[in-house]
Amino acid sequence: MDTNAARGVLWRNCSIYVVQKNSEVYVCPMTQFVNLISGKWAIPVLYRLIILNAPVRFGDLLRATAPITQKELTKQLRLFEQRGLVSRTVYPEIPPRVEYQITGLGLTLQGALSPLAAWMSEYGDQLER
């Protein structure tokens, strides 16, 4: 089996967490996804930006994702900006105006997050608390 075929098998079979072969490390894509969206507020912030799909000021995003704290929202937005999921635009005004917007790459997560939101809307009330 060639390397690409082996890689395909590893990606589909996430019961294999990490395999080392020829100094290469293969990590399950679900592990990478969970690392991307880890944090209590990651999904709500990303999903709000995806739904809006327009520039939004920090204060408006803070209110839309309440009860998140300013510190936590700042942390999430910086992380998403570093990963290329969110863009940040600073306008040279007094007082300074900063807007955030989901990027094209970030928008590709809509296909993954929308079914989760739909599932929660349908079955969330059946979850034991």
Protein backbone atom coordinates (compact mmCIF):
# COMPACT_ATOMS: atom_id res chain seq x y z
CA MET A 1 0.00 0.00 0.00
CA ASP A 2 1.46 3.38 -0.97
CA THR A 3 1.79 6.22 1.52
CA ASN A 4 -1.23 8.18 0.24
CA ALA A 5 -3.46 5.10 0.36
CA ALA A 6 -2.24 4.32 3.88
CA ARG A 7 -2.88 7.91 4.87
CA GLY A 8 -6.46 7.63 3.56
CA VAL A 9 -7.07 4.54 5.68
CA LEU A 10 -5.70 6.31 8.76
CA TRP A 11 -7.84 9.38 8.19
CA ARG A 12 -11.00 7.33 7.92
CA ASN A 13 -10.21 5.10 10.88
CA CYS A 14 -9.93 7.50 13.78
CA SER A 15 -9.56 4.70 16.28
CA ILE A 16 -5.90 4.95 15.30
CA TYR A 17 -4.93 8.13 17.14
CA VAL A 18 -1.27 8.57 16.21
CA VAL A 19 0.87 6.32 14.06
CA GLN A 20 4.55 6.92 13.51
CA LYS A 21 6.03 5.61 10.30
CA ASN A 22 9.17 6.90 8.62
CA SER A 23 9.29 9.82 11.07
CA GLU A 24 5.86 11.04 9.92
CA VAL A 25 3.06 11.43 12.44
CA TYR A 26 -0.53 10.96 11.32
CA VAL A 27 -3.14 12.55 13.55
CA CYS A 28 -6.83 11.81 13.33
CA PRO A 29 -8.61 14.75 11.65
CA MET A 30 -11.30 14.72 14.34
CA THR A 31 -8.62 15.34 16.95
CA GLN A 32 -7.38 18.28 14.90
CA PHE A 33 -10.95 19.60 14.54
CA VAL A 34 -11.60 19.36 18.28
CA ASN A 35 -8.34 21.23 18.92
CA LEU A 36 -9.48 23.91 16.46
CA ILE A 37 -12.82 24.48 18.18
CA SER A 38 -11.83 23.65 21.74
CA GLY A 39 -12.92 26.08 24.36
CA LYS A 40 -16.34 26.80 25.76
CA TRP A 41 -16.94 29.80 23.49
CA ALA A 42 -15.23 28.75 20.26
CA ILE A 43 -18.28 27.32 18.51
CA PRO A 44 -20.76 30.04 19.58
CA VAL A 45 -18.36 32.79 18.42
CA LEU A 46 -17.56 31.10 15.11
CA TYR A 47 -21.18 30.21 14.42
CA ARG A 48 -22.35 33.76 15.15
CA LEU A 49 -19.77 35.15 12.72
CA ILE A 50 -20.79 32.58 10.09
CA ILE A 51 -24.49 33.43 10.46
CA LEU A 52 -23.81 37.17 10.27
CA ASN A 53 -21.32 36.81 7.39
CA ALA A 54 -20.66 40.54 7.53
CA PRO A 55 -18.28 42.84 9.40
CA VAL A 56 -19.24 43.15 13.06
CA ARG A 57 -17.86 45.40 15.76
CA PHE A 58 -16.40 43.89 18.91
CA GLY A 59 -19.11 45.28 21.20
CA ASP A 60 -21.90 43.97 18.98
CA LEU A 61 -20.28 40.52 18.89
CA LEU A 62 -19.83 40.63 22.67
CA ARG A 63 -23.56 41.31 23.13
CA ALA A 64 -24.54 38.68 20.53
CA THR A 65 -22.55 35.95 22.29
CA ALA A 66 -23.47 36.91 25.88
CA PRO A 67 -22.63 35.92 28.59
CA ILE A 68 -19.05 35.59 27.23
CA THR A 69 -16.54 37.89 28.89
CA GLN A 70 -14.59 40.54 27.00
CA LYS A 71 -11.34 38.75 27.86
CA GLU A 72 -12.56 35.40 26.53
CA LEU A 73 -13.97 36.91 23.33
CA THR A 74 -10.67 38.69 22.70
CA LYS A 75 -8.80 35.42 23.23
CA GLN A 76 -11.05 33.48 20.83
CA LEU A 77 -10.94 36.15 18.13
CA ARG A 78 -7.13 36.36 18.27
CA LEU A 79 -6.85 32.60 17.97
CA PHE A 80 -9.27 32.47 15.02
CA GLU A 81 -7.44 35.34 13.35
CA GLN A 82 -4.11 33.49 13.73
CA ARG A 83 -5.65 30.41 12.13
CA GLY A 84 -7.13 32.36 9.22
CA LEU A 85 -10.77 31.84 10.19
CA VAL A 86 -11.53 35.45 11.08
CA SER A 87 -10.24 38.74 9.69
CA ARG A 88 -9.72 41.85 11.79
CA THR A 89 -9.92 45.34 10.33
CA VAL A 90 -8.80 48.40 12.31
CA TYR A 91 -10.04 51.77 11.07
CA PRO A 92 -7.85 54.81 11.84
CA GLU A 93 -10.56 56.80 13.60
CA ILE A 94 -10.96 58.41 16.98
CA PRO A 95 -12.10 56.41 18.85
CA PRO A 96 -10.60 53.43 17.01
CA ARG A 97 -13.08 51.15 15.30
CA VAL A 98 -12.32 47.44 14.92
CA GLU A 99 -14.44 45.01 12.93
CA TYR A 100 -14.28 41.25 12.67
CA GLN A 101 -15.55 39.08 9.84
CA ILE A 102 -15.52 35.39 9.05
CA THR A 103 -13.11 34.56 6.22
CA GLY A 104 -13.76 32.27 3.26
CA LEU A 105 -11.94 29.51 5.12
CA GLY A 106 -14.06 30.14 8.21
CA LEU A 107 -17.24 29.98 6.12
CA THR A 108 -16.35 26.43 5.10
CA LEU A 109 -17.10 25.40 8.70
CA GLN A 110 -20.79 26.21 8.19
CA GLY A 111 -21.35 22.77 6.70
CA ALA A 112 -19.96 21.18 9.87
CA LEU A 113 -21.55 23.48 12.44
CA SER A 114 -25.07 23.92 11.01
CA PRO A 115 -25.98 20.23 11.46
CA LEU A 116 -24.79 20.44 15.07
CA ALA A 117 -27.04 23.45 15.68
CA ALA A 118 -29.96 21.67 13.98
CA TRP A 119 -29.39 18.53 16.07
CA MET A 120 -29.31 20.57 19.27
CA SER A 121 -32.53 22.37 18.32
CA GLU A 122 -34.26 19.06 17.71
CA TYR A 123 -32.85 16.86 20.46
CA GLY A 124 -31.38 19.22 23.08
CA ASP A 125 -34.43 18.98 25.31
CA GLN A 126 -33.94 15.19 25.56
CA LEU A 127 -30.47 15.49 27.06
CA GLU A 128 -30.19 14.65 30.73
CA ARG A 129 -29.04 17.59 32.79
